[in-house]
Amino acid sequence: MKIIIPFLQFLFVLFVLPCTNTIKAQIEILNPDTLVIQNVAYFDECYSVHIKNTLDSMFLFDWRFDIPEELIPYIRKDIHDFNNGWISSIDSNCGFDRPNHFEPLSESAVWICVWLIDIIPTDQFHLVDSIRLEFLAHPDCDLVVAETSFIAGQLSSTNKLTQKPISVFPNPVKSDLYIVDLPIQKYNYQILSLDGAIMQSGLLHGEEITFNFDEFGYFILKLQSKDQLFSSRFIKL
């Protein structure tokens, strides 16, 4: 037994570790900077994660957007990989048998866009530091070959915003939505679906918004000035 154990350890070092290191070296992230998420209304940012296949063989990989469960109600994302286009409905393409084919010794990029559909509570914002975009060896979803992390931005800008409800009419509405008793300021606006998709956005002119999308149902209107955030739900027919 005393002879067998050292011999097994020798075999592990000789055969298993080199294979593991080779896989983990397959993808190199060329811009390893952390990705900052600011806890402010209408935060919307896209990042390009540049990666390289460092070896002279084809490599198949999947990806995973690893986010704490507590942040799911506040954060939405779109990911653009090699062969699936923009994806927002899933947090990983692992298990769908549509891996990304990474050519030998080549470079490419995976795009990820992140936006907030609501300001994250202060006592949960630190969880942003746990968000990762992971690259996985296909089909082994448990083997992370590379990853890039997000970090929480400063909280100061969040604390300056005063959040208030507003009234809109008509509600339900067909084409033009009017905002009631809105203080005179410059406002950016967003119209969001209940699952966080941005349906329309822009600079508010006056107190009227004319829709440029055809979908109907329940939506959220958000207006932001330099120091105030207004929101209201409405039904579009």
C-alpha atoms as a PDB file:
ATOM      1  CA  MET A   1       0.000   0.000   0.000  1.00  0.00           C
ATOM      2  CA  LYS A   2       2.841   2.431   0.837  1.00  0.00           C
ATOM      3  CA  ILE A   3       4.290   1.839  -2.620  1.00  0.00           C
ATOM      4  CA  ILE A   4       0.955   2.068  -4.499  1.00  0.00           C
ATOM      5  CA  ILE A   5      -0.068   5.495  -3.146  1.00  0.00           C
ATOM      6  CA  PRO A   6       3.124   7.343  -4.223  1.00  0.00           C
ATOM      7  CA  PHE A   7       2.896   5.574  -7.582  1.00  0.00           C
ATOM      8  CA  LEU A   8      -0.714   6.786  -8.080  1.00  0.00           C
ATOM      9  CA  GLN A   9       0.330  10.318  -7.110  1.00  0.00           C
ATOM     10  CA  PHE A  10       3.114  10.110  -9.687  1.00  0.00           C
ATOM     11  CA  LEU A  11       0.635   9.052 -12.395  1.00  0.00           C
ATOM     12  CA  PHE A  12      -1.689  11.932 -11.466  1.00  0.00           C
ATOM     13  CA  VAL A  13       1.105  14.477 -11.794  1.00  0.00           C
ATOM     14  CA  LEU A  14       2.391  12.908 -14.988  1.00  0.00           C
ATOM     15  CA  PHE A  15      -0.864  12.510 -16.889  1.00  0.00           C
ATOM     16  CA  VAL A  16      -3.795  14.332 -15.267  1.00  0.00           C
ATOM     17  CA  LEU A  17      -2.273  17.692 -14.378  1.00  0.00           C
ATOM     18  CA  PRO A  18      -0.783  18.381 -17.838  1.00  0.00           C
ATOM     19  CA  CYS A  19      -4.183  17.745 -19.439  1.00  0.00           C
ATOM     20  CA  THR A  20      -5.908  20.034 -16.955  1.00  0.00           C
ATOM     21  CA  ASN A  21      -3.412  22.846 -17.464  1.00  0.00           C
ATOM     22  CA  THR A  22      -3.670  22.516 -21.241  1.00  0.00           C
ATOM     23  CA  ILE A  23      -7.450  22.970 -21.106  1.00  0.00           C
ATOM     24  CA  LYS A  24      -7.276  25.910 -18.734  1.00  0.00           C
ATOM     25  CA  ALA A  25      -4.702  27.619 -20.973  1.00  0.00           C
ATOM     26  CA  GLN A  26      -6.914  27.202 -24.033  1.00  0.00           C
ATOM     27  CA  ILE A  27      -8.700  30.551 -23.652  1.00  0.00           C
ATOM     28  CA  GLU A  28      -6.908  33.721 -22.643  1.00  0.00           C
ATOM     29  CA  ILE A  29      -8.819  36.909 -21.874  1.00  0.00           C
ATOM     30  CA  LEU A  30      -6.908  39.730 -23.566  1.00  0.00           C
ATOM     31  CA  ASN A  31      -8.626  42.606 -21.733  1.00  0.00           C
ATOM     32  CA  PRO A  32      -8.939  41.269 -18.183  1.00  0.00           C
ATOM     33  CA  ASP A  33     -10.265  44.513 -16.684  1.00  0.00           C
ATOM     34  CA  THR A  34     -13.201  44.103 -14.342  1.00  0.00           C
ATOM     35  CA  LEU A  35     -16.559  45.317 -15.649  1.00  0.00           C
ATOM     36  CA  VAL A  36     -18.183  48.063 -13.584  1.00  0.00           C
ATOM     37  CA  ILE A  37     -21.923  48.216 -12.863  1.00  0.00           C
ATOM     38  CA  GLN A  38     -23.186  51.538 -11.485  1.00  0.00           C
ATOM     39  CA  ASN A  39     -26.277  51.480  -9.298  1.00  0.00           C
ATOM     40  CA  VAL A  40     -28.045  54.351 -11.046  1.00  0.00           C
ATOM     41  CA  ALA A  41     -31.314  54.618 -12.903  1.00  0.00           C
ATOM     42  CA  TYR A  42     -31.107  53.774 -16.610  1.00  0.00           C
ATOM     43  CA  PHE A  43     -27.670  52.213 -16.252  1.00  0.00           C
ATOM     44  CA  ASP A  44     -26.990  50.504 -19.576  1.00  0.00           C
ATOM     45  CA  GLU A  45     -23.508  49.420 -20.624  1.00  0.00           C
ATOM     46  CA  CYS A  46     -21.994  47.055 -23.195  1.00  0.00           C
ATOM     47  CA  TYR A  47     -18.634  45.368 -22.795  1.00  0.00           C
ATOM     48  CA  SER A  48     -16.456  43.583 -25.331  1.00  0.00           C
ATOM     49  CA  VAL A  49     -14.550  40.660 -23.808  1.00  0.00           C
ATOM     50  CA  HIS A  50     -11.615  39.882 -26.132  1.00  0.00           C
ATOM     51  CA  ILE A  51     -10.439  36.287 -25.992  1.00  0.00           C
ATOM     52  CA  LYS A  52      -7.750  34.190 -27.652  1.00  0.00           C
ATOM     53  CA  ASN A  53      -7.366  30.481 -28.359  1.00  0.00           C
ATOM     54  CA  THR A  54      -3.756  29.997 -27.324  1.00  0.00           C
ATOM     55  CA  LEU A  55      -3.234  26.512 -28.781  1.00  0.00           C
ATOM     56  CA  ASP A  56      -3.053  25.149 -32.303  1.00  0.00           C
ATOM     57  CA  SER A  57      -6.269  23.125 -32.156  1.00  0.00           C
ATOM     58  CA  MET A  58      -9.968  23.844 -32.430  1.00  0.00           C
ATOM     59  CA  PHE A  59     -11.618  24.458 -29.059  1.00  0.00           C
ATOM     60  CA  LEU A  60     -15.329  24.181 -28.304  1.00  0.00           C
ATOM     61  CA  PHE A  61     -16.643  26.296 -25.464  1.00  0.00           C
ATOM     62  CA  ASP A  62     -19.871  27.398 -23.808  1.00  0.00           C
ATOM     63  CA  TRP A  63     -20.500  30.407 -21.573  1.00  0.00           C
ATOM     64  CA  ARG A  64     -22.361  31.134 -18.361  1.00  0.00           C
ATOM     65  CA  PHE A  65     -23.569  34.410 -16.839  1.00  0.00           C
ATOM     66  CA  ASP A  66     -23.271  33.624 -13.133  1.00  0.00           C
ATOM     67  CA  ILE A  67     -25.393  36.038 -11.103  1.00  0.00           C
ATOM     68  CA  PRO A  68     -26.601  35.858  -7.482  1.00  0.00           C
ATOM     69  CA  GLU A  69     -30.287  35.032  -7.234  1.00  0.00           C
ATOM     70  CA  GLU A  70     -30.941  38.191  -5.201  1.00  0.00           C
ATOM     71  CA  LEU A  71     -29.931  40.410  -8.157  1.00  0.00           C
ATOM     72  CA  ILE A  72     -32.051  38.731 -10.836  1.00  0.00           C
ATOM     73  CA  PRO A  73     -35.056  41.079 -10.305  1.00  0.00           C
ATOM     74  CA  TYR A  74     -32.846  44.141 -10.949  1.00  0.00           C
ATOM     75  CA  ILE A  75     -30.370  43.191 -13.692  1.00  0.00           C
ATOM     76  CA  ARG A  76     -30.899  42.157 -17.296  1.00  0.00           C
ATOM     77  CA  LYS A  77     -28.291  41.167 -19.848  1.00  0.00           C
ATOM     78  CA  ASP A  78     -27.758  40.361 -23.525  1.00  0.00           C
ATOM     79  CA  ILE A  79     -24.819  38.220 -24.632  1.00  0.00           C
ATOM     80  CA  HIS A  80     -23.530  37.978 -28.208  1.00  0.00           C
ATOM     81  CA  ASP A  81     -21.371  34.928 -28.823  1.00  0.00           C
ATOM     82  CA  PHE A  82     -19.883  33.437 -31.981  1.00  0.00           C
ATOM     83  CA  ASN A  83     -22.797  31.536 -33.458  1.00  0.00           C
ATOM     84  CA  ASN A  84     -25.992  32.256 -31.497  1.00  0.00           C
ATOM     85  CA  GLY A  85     -26.298  36.026 -31.966  1.00  0.00           C
ATOM     86  CA  TRP A  86     -27.804  38.082 -29.153  1.00  0.00           C
ATOM     87  CA  ILE A  87     -29.198  35.993 -26.298  1.00  0.00           C
ATOM     88  CA  SER A  88     -31.116  37.394 -23.326  1.00  0.00           C
ATOM     89  CA  SER A  89     -33.481  34.590 -22.301  1.00  0.00           C
ATOM     90  CA  ILE A  90     -30.913  32.193 -20.788  1.00  0.00           C
ATOM     91  CA  ASP A  91     -27.946  32.550 -18.440  1.00  0.00           C
ATOM     92  CA  SER A  92     -25.871  29.859 -20.182  1.00  0.00           C
ATOM     93  CA  ASN A  93     -25.776  28.133 -23.557  1.00  0.00           C
ATOM     94  CA  CYS A  94     -24.380  25.007 -21.928  1.00  0.00           C
ATOM     95  CA  GLY A  95     -26.615  22.002 -22.482  1.00  0.00           C
ATOM     96  CA  PHE A  96     -28.114  23.301 -25.751  1.00  0.00           C
ATOM     97  CA  ASP A  97     -25.471  21.562 -27.899  1.00  0.00           C
ATOM     98  CA  ARG A  98     -24.597  24.797 -29.695  1.00  0.00           C
ATOM     99  CA  PRO A  99     -21.000  25.362 -28.610  1.00  0.00           C
ATOM    100  CA  ASN A 100     -18.803  28.130 -29.918  1.00  0.00           C
ATOM    101  CA  HIS A 101     -16.088  26.886 -32.287  1.00  0.00           C
ATOM    102  CA  PHE A 102     -12.849  28.689 -31.525  1.00  0.00           C
ATOM    103  CA  GLU A 103     -10.354  28.416 -34.387  1.00  0.00           C
ATOM    104  CA  PRO A 104      -6.734  27.548 -33.520  1.00  0.00           C
ATOM    105  CA  LEU A 105      -4.547  30.486 -32.436  1.00  0.00           C
ATOM    106  CA  SER A 106      -7.307  32.950 -33.269  1.00  0.00           C
ATOM    107  CA  GLU A 107      -8.771  35.944 -31.462  1.00  0.00           C
ATOM    108  CA  SER A 108     -12.377  37.029 -31.160  1.00  0.00           C
ATOM    109  CA  ALA A 109     -14.768  38.763 -28.786  1.00  0.00           C
ATOM    110  CA  VAL A 110     -17.916  38.016 -26.829  1.00  0.00           C
ATOM    111  CA  TRP A 111     -20.164  41.012 -26.213  1.00  0.00           C
ATOM    112  CA  ILE A 112     -22.232  41.432 -23.076  1.00  0.00           C
ATOM    113  CA  CYS A 113     -24.689  44.275 -22.426  1.00  0.00           C
ATOM    114  CA  VAL A 114     -25.999  44.836 -18.905  1.00  0.00           C
ATOM    115  CA  TRP A 115     -28.741  47.189 -17.752  1.00  0.00           C
ATOM    116  CA  LEU A 116     -30.740  47.825 -14.611  1.00  0.00           C
ATOM    117  CA  ILE A 117     -34.521  47.663 -14.650  1.00  0.00           C
ATOM    118  CA  ASP A 118     -34.585  49.042 -11.123  1.00  0.00           C
ATOM    119  CA  ILE A 119     -32.081  50.436  -8.631  1.00  0.00           C
ATOM    120  CA  ILE A 120     -30.572  47.672  -6.504  1.00  0.00           C
ATOM    121  CA  PRO A 121     -31.190  47.988  -2.745  1.00  0.00           C
ATOM    122  CA  THR A 122     -28.121  49.328  -0.999  1.00  0.00           C
ATOM    123  CA  ASP A 123     -27.766  46.299   1.255  1.00  0.00           C
ATOM    124  CA  GLN A 124     -27.618  43.990  -1.800  1.00  0.00           C
ATOM    125  CA  PHE A 125     -25.468  46.044  -4.155  1.00  0.00           C
ATOM    126  CA  HIS A 126     -22.243  44.427  -2.899  1.00  0.00           C
ATOM    127  CA  LEU A 127     -23.445  41.189  -4.520  1.00  0.00           C
ATOM    128  CA  VAL A 128     -22.544  42.698  -7.904  1.00  0.00           C
ATOM    129  CA  ASP A 129     -18.953  41.725  -7.074  1.00  0.00           C
ATOM    130  CA  SER A 130     -20.066  38.079  -7.371  1.00  0.00           C
ATOM    131  CA  ILE A 131     -21.268  38.360 -10.997  1.00  0.00           C
ATOM    132  CA  ARG A 132     -19.030  36.561 -13.492  1.00  0.00           C
ATOM    133  CA  LEU A 133     -18.997  35.771 -17.196  1.00  0.00           C
ATOM    134  CA  GLU A 134     -17.490  32.296 -17.395  1.00  0.00           C
ATOM    135  CA  PHE A 135     -16.149  30.376 -20.391  1.00  0.00           C
ATOM    136  CA  LEU A 136     -16.737  26.630 -20.095  1.00  0.00           C
ATOM    137  CA  ALA A 137     -15.143  23.657 -21.821  1.00  0.00           C
ATOM    138  CA  HIS A 138     -17.813  22.018 -23.988  1.00  0.00           C
ATOM    139  CA  PRO A 139     -19.542  19.772 -23.029  1.00  0.00           C
ATOM    140  CA  ASP A 140     -18.180  19.837 -19.448  1.00  0.00           C
ATOM    141  CA  CYS A 141     -20.154  22.717 -17.930  1.00  0.00           C
ATOM    142  CA  ASP A 142     -18.340  22.297 -14.620  1.00  0.00           C
ATOM    143  CA  LEU A 143     -14.939  23.117 -16.085  1.00  0.00           C
ATOM    144  CA  VAL A 144     -14.350  26.894 -16.162  1.00  0.00           C
ATOM    145  CA  VAL A 145     -11.462  27.671 -18.509  1.00  0.00           C
ATOM    146  CA  ALA A 146     -11.568  31.474 -18.143  1.00  0.00           C
ATOM    147  CA  GLU A 147     -13.725  34.120 -16.509  1.00  0.00           C
ATOM    148  CA  THR A 148     -14.111  37.862 -16.176  1.00  0.00           C
ATOM    149  CA  SER A 149     -15.701  39.582 -13.188  1.00  0.00           C
ATOM    150  CA  PHE A 150     -17.966  42.530 -12.515  1.00  0.00           C
ATOM    151  CA  ILE A 151     -17.522  45.025  -9.707  1.00  0.00           C
ATOM    152  CA  ALA A 152     -19.967  47.331  -7.966  1.00  0.00           C
ATOM    153  CA  GLY A 153     -19.497  51.009  -8.768  1.00  0.00           C
ATOM    154  CA  GLN A 154     -19.816  53.863  -6.324  1.00  0.00           C
ATOM    155  CA  LEU A 155     -23.079  54.201  -4.415  1.00  0.00           C
ATOM    156  CA  SER A 156     -22.951  57.983  -4.117  1.00  0.00           C
ATOM    157  CA  SER A 157     -24.870  58.747  -7.303  1.00  0.00           C
ATOM    158  CA  THR A 158     -27.674  56.388  -6.231  1.00  0.00           C
ATOM    159  CA  ASN A 159     -28.217  58.193  -2.955  1.00  0.00           C
ATOM    160  CA  LYS A 160     -28.750  61.534  -4.707  1.00  0.00           C
ATOM    161  CA  LEU A 161     -31.819  60.333  -6.597  1.00  0.00           C
ATOM    162  CA  THR A 162     -35.265  61.005  -5.173  1.00  0.00           C
ATOM    163  CA  GLN A 163     -37.730  58.363  -6.361  1.00  0.00           C
ATOM    164  CA  LYS A 164     -41.380  59.340  -6.851  1.00  0.00           C
ATOM    165  CA  PRO A 165     -44.459  57.905  -8.563  1.00  0.00           C
ATOM    166  CA  ILE A 166     -46.200  59.773 -11.381  1.00  0.00           C
ATOM    167  CA  SER A 167     -49.621  59.582 -12.996  1.00  0.00           C
ATOM    168  CA  VAL A 168     -50.198  58.963 -16.698  1.00  0.00           C
ATOM    169  CA  PHE A 169     -53.295  59.020 -18.904  1.00  0.00           C
ATOM    170  CA  PRO A 170     -55.089  57.543 -20.665  1.00  0.00           C
ATOM    171  CA  ASN A 171     -54.446  54.209 -18.992  1.00  0.00           C
ATOM    172  CA  PRO A 172     -55.025  51.868 -20.815  1.00  0.00           C
ATOM    173  CA  VAL A 173     -53.552  53.700 -23.820  1.00  0.00           C
ATOM    174  CA  LYS A 174     -53.356  53.054 -27.567  1.00  0.00           C
ATOM    175  CA  SER A 175     -50.920  55.532 -29.101  1.00  0.00           C
ATOM    176  CA  ASP A 176     -50.021  58.659 -27.100  1.00  0.00           C
ATOM    177  CA  LEU A 177     -49.277  58.655 -23.380  1.00  0.00           C
ATOM    178  CA  TYR A 178     -49.493  61.861 -21.318  1.00  0.00           C
ATOM    179  CA  ILE A 179     -47.739  62.511 -18.011  1.00  0.00           C
ATOM    180  CA  VAL A 180     -49.647  64.393 -15.313  1.00  0.00           C
ATOM    181  CA  ASP A 181     -48.165  67.336 -13.349  1.00  0.00           C
ATOM    182  CA  LEU A 182     -44.560  66.648 -14.268  1.00  0.00           C
ATOM    183  CA  PRO A 183     -42.101  69.247 -12.882  1.00  0.00           C
ATOM    184  CA  ILE A 184     -40.436  71.249 -15.659  1.00  0.00           C
ATOM    185  CA  GLN A 185     -36.978  69.746 -16.168  1.00  0.00           C
ATOM    186  CA  LYS A 186     -35.058  67.792 -18.761  1.00  0.00           C
ATOM    187  CA  TYR A 187     -35.874  64.083 -18.597  1.00  0.00           C
ATOM    188  CA  ASN A 188     -34.592  60.910 -20.160  1.00  0.00           C
ATOM    189  CA  TYR A 189     -37.214  58.228 -20.387  1.00  0.00           C
ATOM    190  CA  GLN A 190     -37.430  54.482 -20.832  1.00  0.00           C
ATOM    191  CA  ILE A 191     -40.383  52.202 -21.454  1.00  0.00           C
ATOM    192  CA  LEU A 192     -39.711  48.694 -20.184  1.00  0.00           C
ATOM    193  CA  SER A 193     -41.613  45.448 -20.464  1.00  0.00           C
ATOM    194  CA  LEU A 194     -42.240  43.590 -17.205  1.00  0.00           C
ATOM    195  CA  ASP A 195     -39.349  41.230 -17.987  1.00  0.00           C
ATOM    196  CA  GLY A 196     -36.962  44.183 -18.276  1.00  0.00           C
ATOM    197  CA  ALA A 197     -36.672  44.605 -22.060  1.00  0.00           C
ATOM    198  CA  ILE A 198     -36.272  48.227 -23.193  1.00  0.00           C
ATOM    199  CA  MET A 199     -39.095  48.907 -25.665  1.00  0.00           C
ATOM    200  CA  GLN A 200     -38.446  52.624 -26.218  1.00  0.00           C
ATOM    201  CA  SER A 201     -36.166  55.314 -24.811  1.00  0.00           C
ATOM    202  CA  GLY A 202     -35.092  58.860 -25.472  1.00  0.00           C
ATOM    203  CA  LEU A 203     -35.286  62.468 -24.352  1.00  0.00           C
ATOM    204  CA  LEU A 204     -38.724  63.592 -23.219  1.00  0.00           C
ATOM    205  CA  HIS A 205     -40.145  66.592 -25.088  1.00  0.00           C
ATOM    206  CA  GLY A 206     -43.101  68.108 -23.252  1.00  0.00           C
ATOM    207  CA  GLU A 207     -45.466  65.775 -21.437  1.00  0.00           C
ATOM    208  CA  GLU A 208     -46.369  63.409 -24.274  1.00  0.00           C
ATOM    209  CA  ILE A 209     -44.803  60.153 -25.499  1.00  0.00           C
ATOM    210  CA  THR A 210     -45.786  58.657 -28.851  1.00  0.00           C
ATOM    211  CA  PHE A 211     -45.081  54.934 -29.060  1.00  0.00           C
ATOM    212  CA  ASN A 212     -42.836  53.563 -31.792  1.00  0.00           C
ATOM    213  CA  PHE A 213     -43.303  49.876 -30.953  1.00  0.00           C
ATOM    214  CA  ASP A 214     -46.222  47.548 -31.702  1.00  0.00           C
ATOM    215  CA  GLU A 215     -46.253  45.222 -28.696  1.00  0.00           C
ATOM    216  CA  PHE A 216     -49.128  45.504 -26.219  1.00  0.00           C
ATOM    217  CA  GLY A 217     -49.550  44.578 -22.569  1.00  0.00           C
ATOM    218  CA  TYR A 218     -48.240  45.883 -19.252  1.00  0.00           C
ATOM    219  CA  PHE A 219     -45.242  48.264 -19.312  1.00  0.00           C
ATOM    220  CA  ILE A 220     -43.231  50.477 -16.966  1.00  0.00           C
ATOM    221  CA  LEU A 221     -42.446  54.123 -17.718  1.00  0.00           C
ATOM    222  CA  LYS A 222     -39.328  55.572 -16.062  1.00  0.00           C
ATOM    223  CA  LEU A 223     -38.260  59.210 -16.191  1.00  0.00           C
ATOM    224  CA  GLN A 224     -34.960  60.491 -14.829  1.00  0.00           C
ATOM    225  CA  SER A 225     -33.737  64.042 -14.302  1.00  0.00           C
ATOM    226  CA  LYS A 226     -30.433  64.975 -12.702  1.00  0.00           C
ATOM    227  CA  ASP A 227     -31.838  64.422  -9.199  1.00  0.00           C
ATOM    228  CA  GLN A 228     -35.207  62.676  -9.506  1.00  0.00           C
ATOM    229  CA  LEU A 229     -36.538  59.348 -10.727  1.00  0.00           C
ATOM    230  CA  PHE A 230     -40.230  58.913 -11.609  1.00  0.00           C
ATOM    231  CA  SER A 231     -41.990  55.688 -12.525  1.00  0.00           C
ATOM    232  CA  SER A 232     -45.451  54.476 -13.443  1.00  0.00           C
ATOM    233  CA  ARG A 233     -47.040  51.327 -14.841  1.00  0.00           C
ATOM    234  CA  PHE A 234     -49.520  51.398 -17.703  1.00  0.00           C
ATOM    235  CA  ILE A 235     -51.324  49.128 -20.130  1.00  0.00           C
ATOM    236  CA  LYS A 236     -50.836  49.506 -23.883  1.00  0.00           C
ATOM    237  CA  LEU A 237     -53.687  48.260 -26.082  1.00  0.00           C
END
